[in-house]
N, C-alpha and C. Protein backbone atom coordinates (compact mmCIF):
# COMPACT_ATOMS: atom_id res chain seq x y z
N MET A 1 176.78 47.85 219.61
CA MET A 1 175.57 47.39 220.26
C MET A 1 175.91 46.88 221.66
N SER A 2 175.12 47.26 222.63
CA SER A 2 175.33 46.82 224.01
C SER A 2 174.63 45.51 224.27
N VAL A 3 175.20 44.72 225.16
CA VAL A 3 174.60 43.48 225.62
C VAL A 3 174.31 43.66 227.10
N VAL A 4 173.10 43.31 227.53
CA VAL A 4 172.71 43.49 228.93
C VAL A 4 172.31 42.14 229.51
N TYR A 5 172.90 41.79 230.65
CA TYR A 5 172.52 40.60 231.41
C TYR A 5 172.03 41.07 232.78
N VAL A 6 170.92 40.56 233.23
CA VAL A 6 170.38 40.91 234.55
C VAL A 6 170.27 39.63 235.35
N PHE A 7 170.92 39.60 236.54
CA PHE A 7 170.88 38.42 237.39
C PHE A 7 171.23 38.82 238.81
N GLU A 8 170.94 37.94 239.74
CA GLU A 8 171.36 38.12 241.13
C GLU A 8 172.70 37.43 241.29
N ALA A 9 173.60 38.07 242.00
CA ALA A 9 174.93 37.50 242.23
C ALA A 9 175.21 37.49 243.72
N THR A 10 176.19 36.69 244.11
CA THR A 10 176.62 36.61 245.50
C THR A 10 178.01 37.20 245.62
N VAL A 11 178.23 38.02 246.65
CA VAL A 11 179.57 38.53 246.92
C VAL A 11 180.31 37.41 247.63
N VAL A 12 181.35 36.88 246.98
CA VAL A 12 182.04 35.72 247.54
C VAL A 12 183.40 36.06 248.13
N LYS A 13 183.93 37.22 247.81
CA LYS A 13 185.25 37.54 248.32
C LYS A 13 185.42 39.05 248.36
N TYR A 14 186.10 39.52 249.37
CA TYR A 14 186.41 40.94 249.48
C TYR A 14 187.83 41.07 250.00
N THR A 15 188.67 41.75 249.24
CA THR A 15 190.01 42.07 249.71
C THR A 15 190.11 43.59 249.74
N ARG A 16 191.24 44.10 250.09
CA ARG A 16 191.33 45.55 250.25
C ARG A 16 191.08 46.33 248.97
N ASP A 17 191.30 45.72 247.82
CA ASP A 17 191.09 46.47 246.58
C ASP A 17 190.18 45.78 245.57
N ARG A 18 189.56 44.66 245.93
CA ARG A 18 188.70 43.93 244.99
C ARG A 18 187.49 43.31 245.69
N ILE A 19 186.41 43.28 244.93
CA ILE A 19 185.20 42.57 245.35
C ILE A 19 184.90 41.57 244.24
N VAL A 20 184.64 40.32 244.59
CA VAL A 20 184.34 39.29 243.61
C VAL A 20 182.86 38.95 243.71
N LEU A 21 182.17 39.04 242.58
CA LEU A 21 180.76 38.67 242.51
C LEU A 21 180.66 37.33 241.80
N TYR A 22 179.81 36.45 242.30
CA TYR A 22 179.64 35.12 241.73
C TYR A 22 178.26 35.06 241.05
N PRO A 23 178.23 35.05 239.72
CA PRO A 23 176.93 34.97 239.03
C PRO A 23 176.38 33.55 239.04
N PRO A 24 175.09 33.40 238.79
CA PRO A 24 174.52 32.05 238.70
C PRO A 24 175.15 31.25 237.57
N LYS A 25 175.10 29.94 237.67
CA LYS A 25 175.75 29.06 236.69
C LYS A 25 175.28 29.31 235.27
N GLU A 26 174.00 29.61 235.08
CA GLU A 26 173.50 29.80 233.71
C GLU A 26 174.09 31.04 233.04
N TYR A 27 174.68 31.94 233.80
CA TYR A 27 175.31 33.13 233.22
C TYR A 27 176.83 33.00 233.12
N GLN A 28 177.42 32.07 233.80
CA GLN A 28 178.88 31.96 233.81
C GLN A 28 179.44 31.70 232.41
N GLU A 29 178.83 30.81 231.65
CA GLU A 29 179.31 30.52 230.29
C GLU A 29 179.13 31.73 229.38
N LYS A 30 178.02 32.43 229.54
CA LYS A 30 177.77 33.61 228.71
C LYS A 30 178.78 34.71 229.00
N LEU A 31 179.17 34.86 230.25
CA LEU A 31 180.09 35.93 230.65
C LEU A 31 181.55 35.56 230.44
N LYS A 32 181.85 34.27 230.29
CA LYS A 32 183.24 33.83 230.16
C LYS A 32 183.94 34.47 228.97
N LYS A 33 183.20 34.72 227.89
CA LYS A 33 183.82 35.31 226.71
C LYS A 33 184.26 36.75 226.92
N TYR A 34 183.83 37.37 228.01
CA TYR A 34 184.22 38.76 228.31
C TYR A 34 185.33 38.84 229.34
N HIS A 35 185.96 37.72 229.65
CA HIS A 35 187.03 37.70 230.66
C HIS A 35 188.12 38.72 230.31
N GLY A 36 188.49 39.54 231.27
CA GLY A 36 189.54 40.53 231.06
C GLY A 36 189.04 41.87 230.55
N ARG A 37 187.80 41.95 230.10
CA ARG A 37 187.25 43.21 229.60
C ARG A 37 186.66 44.02 230.74
N LYS A 38 186.70 45.32 230.60
CA LYS A 38 186.02 46.19 231.55
C LYS A 38 184.55 46.23 231.19
N VAL A 39 183.70 46.07 232.20
CA VAL A 39 182.26 46.11 231.99
C VAL A 39 181.65 47.07 233.00
N LYS A 40 180.49 47.56 232.70
CA LYS A 40 179.77 48.42 233.63
C LYS A 40 178.86 47.53 234.48
N VAL A 41 178.85 47.78 235.77
CA VAL A 41 178.06 46.97 236.69
C VAL A 41 177.19 47.90 237.53
N GLN A 42 175.92 47.58 237.63
CA GLN A 42 175.02 48.31 238.49
C GLN A 42 174.62 47.38 239.63
N VAL A 43 174.88 47.79 240.86
CA VAL A 43 174.58 46.97 242.03
C VAL A 43 173.44 47.60 242.80
N ILE A 44 172.41 46.81 243.07
CA ILE A 44 171.26 47.27 243.84
C ILE A 44 171.17 46.39 245.07
N ILE A 45 171.25 47.00 246.24
CA ILE A 45 171.13 46.27 247.50
C ILE A 45 169.75 46.54 248.07
N GLU A 46 168.95 45.50 248.18
CA GLU A 46 167.60 45.64 248.75
C GLU A 46 167.67 45.41 250.25
N PRO A 47 166.82 46.09 251.01
CA PRO A 47 166.83 45.87 252.46
C PRO A 47 166.44 44.44 252.80
N GLU A 48 167.06 43.93 253.85
CA GLU A 48 166.78 42.54 254.24
C GLU A 48 165.52 42.43 255.04
């Protein structure tokens, strides 16, 4: 069974091979249990 979380995140860091997304605090505890797992991420950039 798949689990889906939908939230807005902030890009907080970019290095040559990694991008770090910062989820809102209410999702951080929920996502902590998946640390180290590969997950699928869909990124939608809306025009400013």
